[in-house]
Structures are given as structure tokens and as C-alpha cells.
Amino acid sequence: MPPVIAAAVNCIVICKSLSRTALSLLRSEQKASHASRISRIDLGHLSFLPRFQLRQLLRELRSAFAVLGGMFICLLVLMIALDCYVYCDNFNRRSILETTYEYCYTYKYPTEEVPEGGTPAYAETLRQTSYGYDLDVTMLGIDPGCPYFPEVAPTAKKSEVVIASSVAQKFGVGKGDVLVLRDEVNDVNYAFTVTDVVHYASGLYIFMDRDAMQELFGRSDDYYNTVFSDHALDIDTGLLYATVSRQNIEQTSAVFTDLMMPMVILVSVLSVVIFLVVLYLMIKVMIDRASYSISLLKVFGYRTGEVRRLYLDGNFVVVALGALVCIPAAKGLMDIIYPYFVSNVAAGLELSFPPQLYAVIYAGVLACYLLIDLVLVRRLDRMTPAEVLKNRE
């Protein structure tokens, strides 16, 4: 794509330039019609400085839009990194916060009696498709008043379930909707009505009353295959599939952040570099096109600081106001796209930014502009009154 785009742009720009006269090219003239339209715009009773800055901005309106477009693309790249970071960080924090038990025992051969100090539950693994991927969904049957899931209150009906917020986000269902899950082992589909959505983002869980779930899957009244506890239980390991502790979950959830941080840093740095390059090139084009006028101002005794206010400070307003629009727009668009990036991950999708992060991004955009502003001031210094002599008749 880059060579094709470059060739197309070259053809358009060169053909447009060749349609002009040689003298207008040598003098870097703007089209008379364009200049006359700008001069006829009524700017009211503005003082000289804002009037000049506004007319200069109108003359370079296409370049200003190019700057805003480049900023939006760079912010999209940045949002990929930041969404990845907050996704991993939220998953890490929610996993620790939502894991209120100390140990979870998954039985291969359940005993008749529940171990003393343990809270029984019944778990089944069903499947659902999201963005073309088959994901495991854990259906958990719990008793009323289960201390490890205090917000969950499933009904005693076999057709009704309470779903975790991660399931609602992943499969696009909510309260009152019907959720269909597959039991691929027995080749059976189950349709459930969602009665409530609880905030649980560390895994794909749906909750059901244990008695109703035992009846649904044809189990005995006292059947269980999972036990939660707030301390270690004395259980024969030969009876178990697995034992998961709260410490294991904390360590595992932190792995996502550790693995993704190098990519987050790399993409963030690249987005800043791209933005600096785009900003420099586009504003440099504006200054180069105004080189004759800048040299003429210096002939009249204007100092570099005054020229800077006339030709550069107007762009600062464009970037500052444009960032206020582009940052939330880029965030909104990336939040729509990002679920496709993690479509094969069986976890919730919390991408909300803390307000202070928006402030940091905005401050970073302004800092990038001020850095480019300092570089371009040196270019203004190199423009001399002799530039006027090159364009005289």
C-alpha cells in the first residue's frame, strides 16, 4: 500500500503543479481566487493578531485538516496500546478483587460428604461462539447465600440464569435476553433466560441455583464437583482434578500485564514518533509556503518572536481544540474495534479509562506540539529578508 499511495499522491500533486505557469511556481503563489475568497471573509472587529492568525489558518485549511487527520490516526495507534494496558490491568485487579475464596477444589470423584469447612458447588463447562471462536463458559450452580458470590441470587427455575458482566460483554446479551449454550460432549443445546447481570469480569461465568442445575443435568440432589473454602482442606489429591488457590490466581493474572507491557511501550513510543513527524512536516509545509511573507515581515522589522505568534501560535489553537475532539473519538472507535483483537480470550472486556489518563494524553499532545514549535522557530530564524529578492519581478 505505501508505494501505491505514494505514486497516486505524486501523480495528483505533480499534475496539479504542472498545470500552473512557471512564474507562479517560482514565486510560490497561491491561486488568486483562493486568496481573494479569504480576503473577502468578514472577521468582525478582531484585533490585528487574531485576525492575521485566522486568515493564515484559512489559507492553510487543508494542511490544518491534514494535521488533525494525522493526529487522529496517531491517537488510534496510541489507543491500541492504552486499551491493551487497561484491559490487562483491569483483568488483574478484578481477578484479585473478585476472588474472595482462598482455595477452590475441583473434584474428579466427589465424596458423599462435603469436606468440613467447604462450600459445595456444581460446575459444568458449556460452549458459545464469539467472533468466530468457540469459548468455554463455566456454568456454576451455587446454594442461596453462598459467601463467595454475595451479589449472585439465581432463581430456582431451570431456564433462568444470572450471568457475569464478562459474558454480557463477550456475547452481547443482557437482562431479559435468551442465551444459548452448547454441551458438545452430549450434543445438546441449552437456552436460558438472563434474569440479572452481576459484575464479574475475571472469567466467563453464568450462575444457577444448584438444585435447579442438578435437576437440569440429571444429577442427584446432593451432587457437587467443586468446593470453595477460606482455608486449606484435607482432601486426598487422588480425588481431585485441580486445586486453585487465591495466590495462584494473583500470580497468573499478573502474567498478562507482564507479557504485554513491552508491546504497550513500543506501540506508545511509535505513535508519539509518528505524531511528531506528521506535525513537523505539515507545519513546515505551511511555513515554507509563507516564506515570502515571513521574509517581508522581517524587512519591516518584525522579530522572530512576533513572527512566531503570527504563523505558529494559530496552529497551537488548532491542535489544542482538535485534540479535545480527536482523543474521545479515537477512544470510542478503538473500543469498538478492540474486542476483535481479543476475540479468543475468555475474559471480560473492561476498557474504561480513568479521567486522569485522558488529561495525560491531552497534555502529551500539547507537549509534542510545543516541542515541534521549538524546532520550527529555528527554521524561522534561518529565513532572511533576502528571500524577498528572489521573488521580485
Protein backbone atom coordinates (compact mmCIF):
# COMPACT_ATOMS: atom_id res chain seq x y z
CA MET A 1 0.00 0.00 0.00
CA PRO A 2 2.67 2.66 0.77
CA PRO A 3 4.17 2.63 -2.78
CA VAL A 4 0.70 2.74 -4.37
CA ILE A 5 -0.42 5.64 -2.16
CA ALA A 6 2.86 7.48 -2.75
CA ALA A 7 2.53 7.05 -6.53
CA ALA A 8 -1.08 8.28 -6.50
CA VAL A 9 -0.22 11.34 -4.40
CA ASN A 10 2.77 12.14 -6.62
CA CYS A 11 0.66 11.95 -9.75
CA ILE A 12 -2.02 14.24 -8.31
CA VAL A 13 0.40 16.81 -6.90
CA ILE A 14 2.74 16.89 -9.93
CA CYS A 15 -0.10 17.15 -12.44
CA LYS A 16 -1.63 19.95 -10.42
CA SER A 17 1.70 21.80 -10.25
CA LEU A 18 2.43 21.36 -13.97
CA SER A 19 -0.90 22.98 -14.79
CA ARG A 20 0.42 26.27 -13.35
CA THR A 21 2.71 28.76 -15.06
CA ALA A 22 6.44 28.66 -14.50
CA LEU A 23 6.44 32.13 -12.93
CA SER A 24 3.75 31.23 -10.37
CA LEU A 25 5.75 28.16 -9.41
CA LEU A 26 8.93 30.21 -8.97
CA ARG A 27 7.10 32.74 -6.82
CA SER A 28 5.21 30.08 -4.79
CA GLU A 29 1.98 31.95 -5.47
CA GLN A 30 -1.37 30.82 -4.18
CA LYS A 31 -4.35 30.82 -6.51
CA ALA A 32 -5.80 34.29 -6.84
CA SER A 33 -9.34 33.01 -6.40
CA HIS A 34 -8.39 31.31 -3.14
CA ALA A 35 -6.59 34.40 -1.81
CA SER A 36 -9.46 36.65 -2.81
CA ARG A 37 -12.03 34.44 -1.08
CA ILE A 38 -10.01 34.57 2.11
CA SER A 39 -9.63 38.36 1.93
CA ARG A 40 -13.39 38.83 1.49
CA ILE A 41 -14.30 36.97 4.69
CA ASP A 42 -15.62 39.37 7.32
CA LEU A 43 -13.84 38.74 10.62
CA GLY A 44 -15.74 41.37 12.58
CA HIS A 45 -13.88 43.60 14.99
CA LEU A 46 -10.98 41.27 15.79
CA SER A 47 -7.66 42.87 16.64
CA PHE A 48 -4.73 42.52 14.27
CA LEU A 49 -3.08 39.43 15.83
CA PRO A 50 -6.10 37.07 15.94
CA ARG A 51 -7.27 38.44 12.58
CA PHE A 52 -3.92 37.61 10.97
CA GLN A 53 -3.76 34.16 12.62
CA LEU A 54 -7.28 33.31 11.49
CA ARG A 55 -6.66 34.38 7.89
CA GLN A 56 -3.42 32.38 7.84
CA LEU A 57 -5.30 29.38 9.17
CA LEU A 58 -7.97 29.75 6.48
CA ARG A 59 -5.27 29.92 3.79
CA GLU A 60 -3.75 26.67 5.11
CA LEU A 61 -7.03 24.96 5.97
CA ARG A 62 -6.20 21.79 4.07
CA SER A 63 -2.89 21.45 5.88
CA ALA A 64 -4.66 22.03 9.19
CA PHE A 65 -7.09 19.20 8.40
CA ALA A 66 -4.12 17.03 7.44
CA VAL A 67 -2.59 17.73 10.87
CA LEU A 68 -5.85 16.78 12.59
CA GLY A 69 -6.16 13.64 10.46
CA GLY A 70 -2.60 12.63 11.29
CA MET A 71 -3.23 13.31 14.97
CA PHE A 72 -6.37 11.14 14.89
CA ILE A 73 -4.50 8.22 13.28
CA CYS A 74 -1.66 8.53 15.81
CA LEU A 75 -4.16 8.62 18.66
CA LEU A 76 -5.79 5.45 17.29
CA VAL A 77 -2.38 3.72 17.40
CA LEU A 78 -1.86 5.03 20.93
CA MET A 79 -5.30 3.79 21.98
CA ILE A 80 -4.36 0.26 20.87
CA ALA A 81 -1.54 0.33 23.42
CA LEU A 82 -3.57 2.01 26.16
CA ASP A 83 -6.60 -0.25 25.69
CA CYS A 84 -4.26 -3.23 25.91
CA TYR A 85 -2.79 -1.86 29.13
CA VAL A 86 -6.10 -1.06 30.84
CA TYR A 87 -7.54 -4.39 29.62
CA CYS A 88 -4.72 -6.33 31.32
CA ASP A 89 -4.64 -4.06 34.37
CA ASN A 90 -8.41 -4.26 34.89
CA PHE A 91 -8.32 -8.04 34.47
CA ASN A 92 -5.54 -8.27 37.05
CA ARG A 93 -7.32 -6.05 39.57
CA ARG A 94 -10.75 -7.63 39.05
CA SER A 95 -9.34 -11.16 39.37
CA ILE A 96 -7.85 -10.31 42.76
CA LEU A 97 -10.90 -8.37 43.92
CA GLU A 98 -13.48 -10.93 42.81
CA THR A 99 -11.66 -13.97 44.17
CA THR A 100 -12.95 -13.99 47.73
CA TYR A 101 -12.18 -17.66 48.45
CA GLU A 102 -8.73 -18.91 49.39
CA TYR A 103 -8.99 -22.34 47.75
CA CYS A 104 -11.10 -23.90 45.00
CA TYR A 105 -11.10 -27.71 44.70
CA THR A 106 -12.38 -29.35 41.51
CA TYR A 107 -13.34 -32.98 42.06
CA LYS A 108 -12.76 -35.91 39.78
CA TYR A 109 -14.51 -38.27 42.21
CA PRO A 110 -16.81 -36.38 44.58
CA THR A 111 -17.26 -37.86 48.03
CA GLU A 112 -20.66 -38.35 49.64
CA GLU A 113 -19.98 -35.80 52.33
CA VAL A 114 -18.75 -32.26 51.69
CA PRO A 115 -15.41 -31.68 53.49
CA GLU A 116 -15.85 -29.78 56.74
CA GLY A 117 -15.35 -26.05 56.22
CA GLY A 118 -16.04 -26.26 52.47
CA THR A 119 -18.85 -24.72 50.42
CA PRO A 120 -20.13 -27.05 47.68
CA ALA A 121 -20.98 -26.02 44.12
CA TYR A 122 -21.76 -27.75 40.85
CA ALA A 123 -19.82 -26.70 37.73
CA GLU A 124 -20.33 -27.65 34.10
CA THR A 125 -18.42 -26.38 31.06
CA LEU A 126 -20.54 -25.34 28.09
CA ARG A 127 -19.55 -23.51 24.91
CA GLN A 128 -20.58 -20.43 22.98
CA THR A 129 -19.20 -18.76 19.85
CA SER A 130 -17.84 -15.20 19.87
CA TYR A 131 -16.39 -13.54 16.74
CA GLY A 132 -15.81 -16.97 15.21
CA TYR A 133 -14.10 -18.50 18.26
CA ASP A 134 -15.60 -21.25 20.44
CA LEU A 135 -15.14 -20.24 24.07
CA ASP A 136 -15.67 -22.24 27.25
CA VAL A 137 -18.33 -20.86 29.59
CA THR A 138 -18.42 -22.14 33.17
CA MET A 139 -21.91 -22.77 34.46
CA LEU A 140 -21.80 -22.71 38.25
CA GLY A 141 -24.59 -23.99 40.45
CA ILE A 142 -24.45 -22.43 43.93
CA ASP A 143 -26.61 -22.54 47.02
CA PRO A 144 -28.51 -19.46 48.25
CA GLY A 145 -26.33 -17.28 50.48
CA CYS A 146 -23.05 -18.58 49.08
CA PRO A 147 -20.43 -16.38 50.85
CA TYR A 148 -18.02 -16.34 47.90
CA PHE A 149 -20.52 -14.89 45.40
CA PRO A 150 -22.55 -12.49 47.56
CA GLU A 151 -24.05 -10.47 44.70
CA VAL A 152 -25.43 -13.52 42.89
CA ALA A 153 -29.04 -14.52 43.59
CA PRO A 154 -30.18 -17.04 40.94
CA THR A 155 -33.79 -18.22 40.86
CA ALA A 156 -34.83 -21.82 41.38
CA LYS A 157 -36.01 -22.18 37.77
CA LYS A 158 -34.09 -24.43 35.36
CA SER A 159 -34.49 -21.99 32.48
CA GLU A 160 -33.19 -18.87 34.28
CA VAL A 161 -29.60 -17.85 34.99
CA VAL A 162 -27.59 -14.92 36.28
CA ILE A 163 -24.67 -14.04 34.04
CA ALA A 164 -21.36 -12.36 34.77
CA SER A 165 -20.65 -8.98 33.17
CA SER A 166 -17.87 -10.66 31.17
CA VAL A 167 -20.44 -12.94 29.50
CA ALA A 168 -22.72 -9.98 28.78
CA GLN A 169 -19.85 -8.08 27.13
CA LYS A 170 -18.45 -11.05 25.25
CA PHE A 171 -21.69 -12.35 23.76
CA GLY A 172 -23.73 -9.15 23.64
CA VAL A 173 -26.56 -10.29 25.91
CA GLY A 174 -28.29 -8.55 28.79
CA LYS A 175 -31.11 -8.86 31.28
CA GLY A 176 -34.20 -10.40 29.67
CA ASP A 177 -32.30 -11.87 26.69
CA VAL A 178 -32.03 -15.55 25.84
CA LEU A 179 -28.55 -17.10 25.95
CA VAL A 180 -27.99 -20.38 24.09
CA LEU A 181 -25.05 -22.57 25.17
CA ARG A 182 -23.81 -25.87 23.73
CA ASP A 183 -22.91 -29.07 25.50
CA GLU A 184 -20.62 -30.55 22.86
CA VAL A 185 -20.00 -33.76 24.82
CA ASN A 186 -23.69 -34.74 24.81
CA ASP A 187 -24.59 -32.75 21.69
CA VAL A 188 -27.30 -30.73 23.47
CA ASN A 189 -28.16 -27.04 23.28
CA TYR A 190 -29.49 -25.19 26.32
CA ALA A 191 -31.46 -21.93 26.15
CA PHE A 192 -31.53 -19.77 29.28
CA THR A 193 -33.30 -16.52 30.09
CA VAL A 194 -30.99 -13.97 31.70
CA THR A 195 -32.57 -12.63 34.90
CA ASP A 196 -29.67 -10.45 36.04
CA VAL A 197 -26.12 -9.35 35.21
CA VAL A 198 -23.55 -9.18 38.03
CA HIS A 199 -20.16 -7.52 37.88
CA TYR A 200 -17.72 -10.39 37.43
CA ALA A 201 -15.01 -9.86 34.81
CA SER A 202 -12.29 -12.39 35.62
CA GLY A 203 -13.88 -15.27 33.69
CA LEU A 204 -16.88 -16.34 31.63
CA TYR A 205 -19.35 -17.48 34.30
CA ILE A 206 -23.09 -17.98 34.45
CA PHE A 207 -24.73 -18.76 37.78
CA MET A 208 -27.67 -21.00 38.57
CA ASP A 209 -29.35 -22.39 41.65
CA ARG A 210 -27.58 -25.66 42.48
CA ASP A 211 -30.78 -27.67 43.00
CA ALA A 212 -32.18 -26.46 39.66
CA MET A 213 -28.90 -27.22 37.92
CA GLN A 214 -28.77 -30.74 39.40
CA GLU A 215 -32.26 -31.36 38.06
CA LEU A 216 -31.39 -29.87 34.65
CA PHE A 217 -28.37 -32.15 34.15
CA GLY A 218 -29.93 -35.22 35.78
CA ARG A 219 -27.76 -35.30 38.89
CA SER A 220 -28.70 -36.43 42.40
CA ASP A 221 -29.92 -33.91 44.95
CA ASP A 222 -26.64 -33.85 46.87
CA TYR A 223 -24.29 -33.83 43.85
CA TYR A 224 -21.35 -31.41 43.75
CA ASN A 225 -17.97 -31.35 41.98
CA THR A 226 -16.48 -28.09 43.26
CA VAL A 227 -15.70 -26.92 46.77
CA PHE A 228 -14.73 -23.41 47.86
CA SER A 229 -13.13 -22.63 51.21
CA ASP A 230 -11.40 -19.85 53.10
CA HIS A 231 -8.61 -22.17 54.28
CA ALA A 232 -6.80 -25.30 53.08
CA LEU A 233 -8.83 -28.52 53.39
CA ASP A 234 -7.53 -32.01 53.99
CA ILE A 235 -8.61 -33.68 50.73
CA ASP A 236 -6.97 -36.66 49.06
CA THR A 237 -5.32 -35.34 45.86
CA GLY A 238 -6.33 -38.53 44.03
CA LEU A 239 -9.94 -37.37 44.18
CA LEU A 240 -9.22 -34.02 42.56
CA TYR A 241 -8.73 -32.66 39.06
CA ALA A 242 -7.13 -29.47 40.31
CA THR A 243 -6.64 -27.19 43.29
CA VAL A 244 -6.53 -23.44 42.71
CA SER A 245 -5.54 -21.01 45.43
CA ARG A 246 -6.08 -17.27 45.60
CA GLN A 247 -2.32 -16.85 45.43
CA ASN A 248 -2.23 -18.82 42.15
CA ILE A 249 -4.87 -16.52 40.66
CA GLU A 250 -2.97 -13.38 41.72
CA GLN A 251 0.23 -14.67 40.14
CA THR A 252 -1.47 -15.84 36.95
CA SER A 253 -3.46 -12.64 36.41
CA ALA A 254 -0.29 -10.54 36.68
CA VAL A 255 1.31 -12.53 33.84
CA PHE A 256 -0.92 -10.82 31.25
CA THR A 257 0.35 -7.38 32.21
CA ASP A 258 3.98 -8.53 32.32
CA LEU A 259 3.75 -10.13 28.88
CA MET A 260 2.02 -7.21 27.18
CA MET A 261 3.95 -4.29 28.70
CA PRO A 262 6.82 -4.38 26.11
CA MET A 263 4.26 -4.19 23.29
CA VAL A 264 2.37 -1.40 25.08
CA ILE A 265 5.55 0.66 25.46
CA LEU A 266 6.67 0.01 21.87
CA VAL A 267 3.34 0.98 20.29
CA SER A 268 3.04 4.06 22.53
CA VAL A 269 6.50 5.28 21.55
CA LEU A 270 5.82 4.63 17.86
CA SER A 271 2.57 6.61 17.99
CA VAL A 272 4.40 9.58 19.55
CA VAL A 273 7.18 9.41 16.94
CA ILE A 274 4.67 9.26 14.08
CA PHE A 275 2.75 12.21 15.52
CA LEU A 276 5.93 14.29 15.87
CA VAL A 277 6.92 13.55 12.27
CA VAL A 278 3.46 14.34 10.88
CA LEU A 279 3.21 17.52 12.94
CA TYR A 280 6.65 18.71 11.89
CA LEU A 281 6.18 18.01 8.19
CA MET A 282 2.74 19.58 7.88
CA ILE A 283 3.56 22.76 9.83
CA LYS A 284 6.86 23.03 7.98
CA VAL A 285 4.90 22.97 4.70
CA MET A 286 2.75 25.84 5.97
CA ILE A 287 5.84 27.87 6.89
CA ASP A 288 7.59 27.13 3.60
CA ARG A 289 4.58 28.33 1.64
CA ALA A 290 4.61 31.54 3.66
CA SER A 291 8.36 32.07 3.37
CA TYR A 292 7.96 35.17 1.17
CA SER A 293 5.55 36.80 3.62
CA ILE A 294 7.76 35.91 6.58
CA SER A 295 10.81 37.43 4.90
CA LEU A 296 8.79 40.54 4.09
CA LEU A 297 7.78 40.88 7.74
CA LYS A 298 11.43 40.72 8.71
CA VAL A 299 12.17 43.50 6.22
CA PHE A 300 9.60 45.59 8.10
CA GLY A 301 11.39 44.91 11.38
CA TYR A 302 9.31 42.11 12.91
CA ARG A 303 11.32 39.97 15.34
CA THR A 304 11.32 36.17 15.37
CA GLY A 305 9.06 36.02 18.44
CA GLU A 306 6.48 38.22 16.73
CA VAL A 307 6.62 36.14 13.53
CA ARG A 308 6.18 33.04 15.67
CA ARG A 309 2.98 34.41 17.18
CA LEU A 310 1.66 35.24 13.72
CA TYR A 311 2.43 31.93 11.99
CA LEU A 312 2.81 29.26 14.68
CA ASP A 313 0.55 30.14 17.60
CA GLY A 314 -2.54 29.82 15.43
CA ASN A 315 -1.63 26.18 14.80
CA PHE A 316 -1.41 25.64 18.55
CA VAL A 317 -5.09 26.52 18.85
CA VAL A 318 -5.92 24.06 16.06
CA VAL A 319 -4.02 21.24 17.79
CA ALA A 320 -5.39 22.10 21.24
CA LEU A 321 -9.03 22.21 20.10
CA GLY A 322 -8.59 19.29 17.70
CA ALA A 323 -7.19 17.10 20.49
CA LEU A 324 -10.32 17.71 22.56
CA VAL A 325 -12.33 16.10 19.73
CA CYS A 326 -9.85 13.52 18.44
CA ILE A 327 -8.99 11.93 21.81
CA PRO A 328 -12.55 10.81 22.74
CA ALA A 329 -13.29 9.98 19.07
CA ALA A 330 -10.19 7.75 18.83
CA LYS A 331 -11.04 6.13 22.17
CA GLY A 332 -14.62 5.44 21.09
CA LEU A 333 -13.59 3.96 17.75
CA MET A 334 -10.87 1.79 19.30
CA ASP A 335 -13.31 0.47 21.93
CA ILE A 336 -15.47 -0.74 19.03
CA ILE A 337 -12.52 -2.36 17.25
CA TYR A 338 -10.61 -3.79 20.23
CA PRO A 339 -12.99 -6.70 21.02
CA TYR A 340 -11.96 -8.22 17.69
CA PHE A 341 -8.32 -8.15 18.83
CA VAL A 342 -9.10 -10.25 21.92
CA SER A 343 -11.94 -12.30 20.48
CA ASN A 344 -10.23 -15.57 21.50
CA VAL A 345 -9.73 -14.55 25.16
CA ALA A 346 -12.24 -15.98 27.63
CA ALA A 347 -12.44 -12.97 29.93
CA GLY A 348 -14.34 -9.74 30.44
CA LEU A 349 -13.73 -6.62 28.42
CA GLU A 350 -13.29 -3.60 30.69
CA LEU A 351 -11.67 -0.78 28.69
CA SER A 352 -12.72 2.28 30.67
CA PHE A 353 -10.02 4.91 31.22
CA PRO A 354 -9.58 6.80 34.49
CA PRO A 355 -10.21 10.54 33.90
CA GLN A 356 -6.61 11.43 34.71
CA LEU A 357 -5.40 9.30 31.80
CA TYR A 358 -7.34 11.48 29.35
CA ALA A 359 -5.64 14.51 30.91
CA VAL A 360 -2.21 12.88 30.48
CA ILE A 361 -2.91 12.13 26.80
CA TYR A 362 -4.07 15.71 26.19
CA ALA A 363 -1.02 17.13 27.96
CA GLY A 364 1.19 14.81 25.86
CA VAL A 365 -0.35 16.11 22.61
CA LEU A 366 0.31 19.71 23.65
CA ALA A 367 3.85 18.82 24.75
CA CYS A 368 4.53 17.29 21.31
CA TYR A 369 3.32 20.46 19.62
CA LEU A 370 5.48 22.69 21.84
CA LEU A 371 8.49 20.52 21.03
CA ILE A 372 7.88 20.88 17.29
CA ASP A 373 7.25 24.59 17.84
CA LEU A 374 10.76 24.98 19.28
CA VAL A 375 12.26 23.17 16.29
CA LEU A 376 10.36 25.30 13.78
CA VAL A 377 11.35 28.56 15.49
CA ARG A 378 14.91 27.77 14.48
CA ARG A 379 13.68 27.44 10.92
CA LEU A 380 12.08 30.88 11.18
CA ASP A 381 15.44 32.24 12.31
CA ARG A 382 17.04 30.95 9.12
CA MET A 383 14.56 32.83 6.93
CA THR A 384 16.20 36.12 5.95
CA PRO A 385 14.93 39.30 4.22
CA ALA A 386 16.94 38.17 1.17
CA GLU A 387 14.06 35.74 0.42
CA VAL A 388 12.05 38.73 -0.85
CA LEU A 389 14.64 39.47 -3.51
CA LYS A 390 14.22 36.00 -5.02
CA ASN A 391 10.58 36.70 -5.84
CA ARG A 392 10.69 40.25 -7.17
CA GLU A 393 9.64 40.96 -10.74
